[in-house]
Amino acid sequence: MSHEPTDASSVATLSTSECWRLLETQRLGRLALIDAAGEPRIYPVNFASRDGVLYIRSADDAKLRFLRARPMVAFEVDGQDGDERWSVVLRGEAARVDMDAEIRTSRETHLRSMSPTPKPYVIRLHPRSVTGRRFPERGSDESEAPMRARIIVPTAAALPPAGRRPRPIPSFTPLNDD
């Protein structure tokens, strides 16, 4: 496998070809896009890839409306190989596929949606960047130890008497920069 360590924590950066190889082992990922109010949205989607393009099935729903207004998206898929975890992220432009030839090409990928909702439309994601990383899975004791050390459990003396509200935490109005 072609990956290079990026720092002492054994996180490795994956090559583009390794990212595509891992991506092709999966069928479920997450599509991140921006909605009409400018807020990020993430949708779990079934996908397939072919010739450096990602295909996603969709209904005529919010995803298609948001893509028409803001076609730049991100897509993430992750998985596990033995005791290693990996993540691949694609960023690029997405659009509904309208050409019959490309719709046929997407069908050749065996693209299927697991959703009970009919998904008659196909979305194409042309990635501008493909990045990935791999890292060993940490044991639960090791990964949770720092958090356990910071947990503060209040004593009975620190709690307000039953039926009384705790004192509010002081807060301040933000300064106006006018």
Protein backbone atom coordinates (compact mmCIF):
# COMPACT_ATOMS: atom_id res chain seq x y z
CA MET A 1 0.00 0.00 0.00
CA SER A 2 1.34 3.41 -0.88
CA HIS A 3 1.08 5.82 1.98
CA GLU A 4 3.55 8.09 3.74
CA PRO A 5 3.49 9.05 7.43
CA THR A 6 2.60 12.72 7.90
CA ASP A 7 3.65 12.96 11.57
CA ALA A 8 4.67 10.96 14.60
CA SER A 9 1.08 9.92 15.37
CA SER A 10 1.21 7.40 12.48
CA VAL A 11 -1.40 9.14 10.36
CA ALA A 12 -0.53 8.41 6.73
CA THR A 13 -1.48 10.44 3.67
CA LEU A 14 -2.86 8.24 0.89
CA SER A 15 -1.96 8.54 -2.77
CA THR A 16 -4.73 9.44 -5.20
CA SER A 17 -4.70 5.93 -6.66
CA GLU A 18 -4.98 4.39 -3.18
CA CYS A 19 -7.89 6.74 -2.42
CA TRP A 20 -9.74 5.55 -5.54
CA ARG A 21 -8.96 1.89 -4.75
CA LEU A 22 -10.46 2.26 -1.26
CA LEU A 23 -13.40 4.31 -2.53
CA GLU A 24 -14.28 1.52 -4.98
CA THR A 25 -14.59 -0.98 -2.10
CA GLN A 26 -17.54 0.92 -0.63
CA ARG A 27 -21.11 1.71 -1.68
CA LEU A 28 -22.26 4.13 1.06
CA GLY A 29 -20.79 7.60 1.64
CA ARG A 30 -21.78 11.09 2.74
CA LEU A 31 -22.50 13.99 0.41
CA ALA A 32 -21.96 17.45 1.92
CA LEU A 33 -23.52 20.44 0.22
CA ILE A 34 -24.82 23.90 1.03
CA ASP A 35 -28.57 24.52 1.36
CA ALA A 36 -30.55 27.59 0.27
CA ALA A 37 -29.84 29.37 3.57
CA GLY A 38 -26.09 28.82 3.19
CA GLU A 39 -25.99 26.09 5.85
CA PRO A 40 -24.08 22.83 5.34
CA ARG A 41 -26.10 19.63 4.88
CA ILE A 42 -24.83 16.06 4.87
CA TYR A 43 -26.71 13.22 3.21
CA PRO A 44 -25.89 9.51 3.34
CA VAL A 45 -25.90 8.29 -0.26
CA ASN A 46 -25.20 5.15 -2.23
CA PHE A 47 -22.60 5.73 -4.93
CA ALA A 48 -20.48 4.10 -7.60
CA SER A 49 -17.44 5.32 -9.51
CA ARG A 50 -16.12 4.99 -13.01
CA ASP A 51 -13.24 6.66 -14.86
CA GLY A 52 -12.56 9.21 -12.11
CA VAL A 53 -16.21 10.25 -11.72
CA LEU A 54 -18.56 9.50 -8.85
CA TYR A 55 -22.25 8.73 -9.51
CA ILE A 56 -25.05 9.07 -6.96
CA ARG A 57 -28.77 8.27 -7.34
CA SER A 58 -31.32 10.85 -6.17
CA ALA A 59 -34.99 11.68 -6.10
CA ASP A 60 -36.14 15.12 -7.25
CA ASP A 61 -35.57 16.44 -3.75
CA ALA A 62 -33.60 18.97 -1.73
CA LYS A 63 -30.22 17.60 -2.88
CA LEU A 64 -30.97 18.44 -6.51
CA ARG A 65 -32.36 21.88 -5.62
CA PHE A 66 -29.30 22.73 -3.53
CA LEU A 67 -26.92 21.46 -6.24
CA ARG A 68 -28.52 23.66 -8.89
CA ALA A 69 -27.81 26.75 -6.76
CA ARG A 70 -24.42 25.68 -5.32
CA PRO A 71 -22.75 22.86 -7.26
CA MET A 72 -19.52 22.74 -5.20
CA VAL A 73 -19.70 19.76 -2.80
CA ALA A 74 -17.63 17.44 -0.69
CA PHE A 75 -18.02 13.68 -0.45
CA GLU A 76 -16.57 11.43 2.25
CA VAL A 77 -16.31 7.68 2.64
CA ASP A 78 -14.46 5.75 5.29
CA GLY A 79 -13.72 2.21 6.24
CA GLN A 80 -11.48 -0.22 8.03
CA ASP A 81 -8.74 -2.62 6.89
CA GLY A 82 -7.78 -4.93 9.73
CA ASP A 83 -6.70 -2.70 12.60
CA GLU A 84 -6.41 0.43 10.45
CA ARG A 85 -9.06 3.06 9.73
CA TRP A 86 -9.11 5.19 6.59
CA SER A 87 -11.00 8.15 5.19
CA VAL A 88 -11.23 9.51 1.63
CA VAL A 89 -12.61 12.97 0.79
CA LEU A 90 -13.49 14.25 -2.68
CA ARG A 91 -14.20 17.91 -3.40
CA GLY A 92 -15.62 19.12 -6.66
CA GLU A 93 -18.58 20.07 -8.75
CA ALA A 94 -21.77 18.01 -8.84
CA ALA A 95 -24.68 18.17 -11.25
CA ARG A 96 -27.63 16.11 -12.40
CA VAL A 97 -26.79 13.90 -15.38
CA ASP A 98 -28.98 14.73 -18.38
CA MET A 99 -27.22 12.93 -21.25
CA ASP A 100 -28.61 9.48 -22.08
CA ALA A 101 -25.13 8.09 -22.81
CA GLU A 102 -23.83 9.10 -19.38
CA ILE A 103 -26.95 7.75 -17.67
CA ARG A 104 -26.23 4.41 -19.38
CA THR A 105 -22.60 4.63 -18.23
CA SER A 106 -23.74 5.18 -14.64
CA ARG A 107 -25.96 2.07 -14.91
CA GLU A 108 -22.93 0.02 -15.96
CA THR A 109 -21.42 0.76 -12.52
CA HIS A 110 -24.34 -1.18 -10.96
CA LEU A 111 -25.29 1.96 -9.04
CA ARG A 112 -28.16 1.12 -6.71
CA SER A 113 -29.89 3.04 -3.95
CA MET A 114 -30.77 1.17 -0.77
CA SER A 115 -33.43 3.76 0.08
CA PRO A 116 -37.08 2.71 -0.18
CA THR A 117 -37.73 6.05 -1.93
CA PRO A 118 -37.46 5.82 -5.73
CA LYS A 119 -34.26 7.53 -6.98
CA PRO A 120 -34.74 8.01 -10.74
CA TYR A 121 -32.07 10.73 -11.19
CA VAL A 122 -28.30 10.44 -11.36
CA ILE A 123 -25.86 13.00 -9.94
CA ARG A 124 -22.31 13.21 -11.29
CA LEU A 125 -19.48 14.41 -9.05
CA HIS A 126 -16.37 15.52 -10.94
CA PRO A 127 -13.71 15.76 -8.22
CA ARG A 128 -11.18 18.59 -8.28
CA SER A 129 -9.32 17.03 -5.37
CA VAL A 130 -9.10 13.54 -3.88
CA THR A 131 -7.42 13.18 -0.51
CA GLY A 132 -7.21 10.43 2.04
CA ARG A 133 -5.55 9.29 5.19
CA ARG A 134 -5.01 6.08 7.09
CA PHE A 135 -4.33 5.58 10.77
CA PRO A 136 -4.23 2.69 13.24
CA GLU A 137 -7.33 2.14 15.33
CA ARG A 138 -6.60 3.04 18.92
CA GLY A 139 -7.73 0.74 21.69
CA SER A 140 -10.70 2.02 23.67
CA ASP A 141 -8.69 2.25 26.92
CA GLU A 142 -5.99 4.39 25.30
CA SER A 143 -8.37 6.72 23.43
CA GLU A 144 -10.68 7.32 26.38
CA ALA A 145 -8.05 7.71 29.12
CA PRO A 146 -7.42 11.45 28.55
CA MET A 147 -11.18 12.14 28.62
CA ARG A 148 -11.67 10.19 31.86
CA ALA A 149 -8.93 12.22 33.50
CA ARG A 150 -10.85 15.45 32.77
CA ILE A 151 -14.31 14.38 33.94
CA ILE A 152 -15.33 16.29 37.06
CA VAL A 153 -18.07 14.74 39.17
CA PRO A 154 -19.69 17.27 41.51
CA THR A 155 -19.96 16.31 45.16
CA ALA A 156 -23.29 16.51 46.95
CA ALA A 157 -22.11 19.70 48.71
CA ALA A 158 -21.59 21.42 45.32
CA LEU A 159 -25.13 20.69 44.13
CA PRO A 160 -28.03 23.04 44.98
CA PRO A 161 -30.57 21.77 47.50
CA ALA A 162 -33.46 19.79 46.03
CA GLY A 163 -36.10 22.04 44.49
CA ARG A 164 -33.75 25.04 44.10
CA ARG A 165 -32.32 26.18 40.83
CA PRO A 166 -28.55 26.48 40.52
CA ARG A 167 -27.04 29.96 40.41
CA PRO A 168 -26.72 31.18 36.80
CA ILE A 169 -23.30 31.35 35.22
CA PRO A 170 -22.35 35.01 34.72
CA SER A 171 -22.35 36.13 31.12
CA PHE A 172 -21.69 39.38 29.31
CA THR A 173 -23.25 41.00 26.29
CA PRO A 174 -20.84 40.94 23.34
CA LEU A 175 -19.20 44.26 22.57
CA ASN A 176 -20.50 46.07 19.54
CA ASP A 177 -17.72 46.75 17.01
CA ASP A 178 -19.45 49.80 15.52
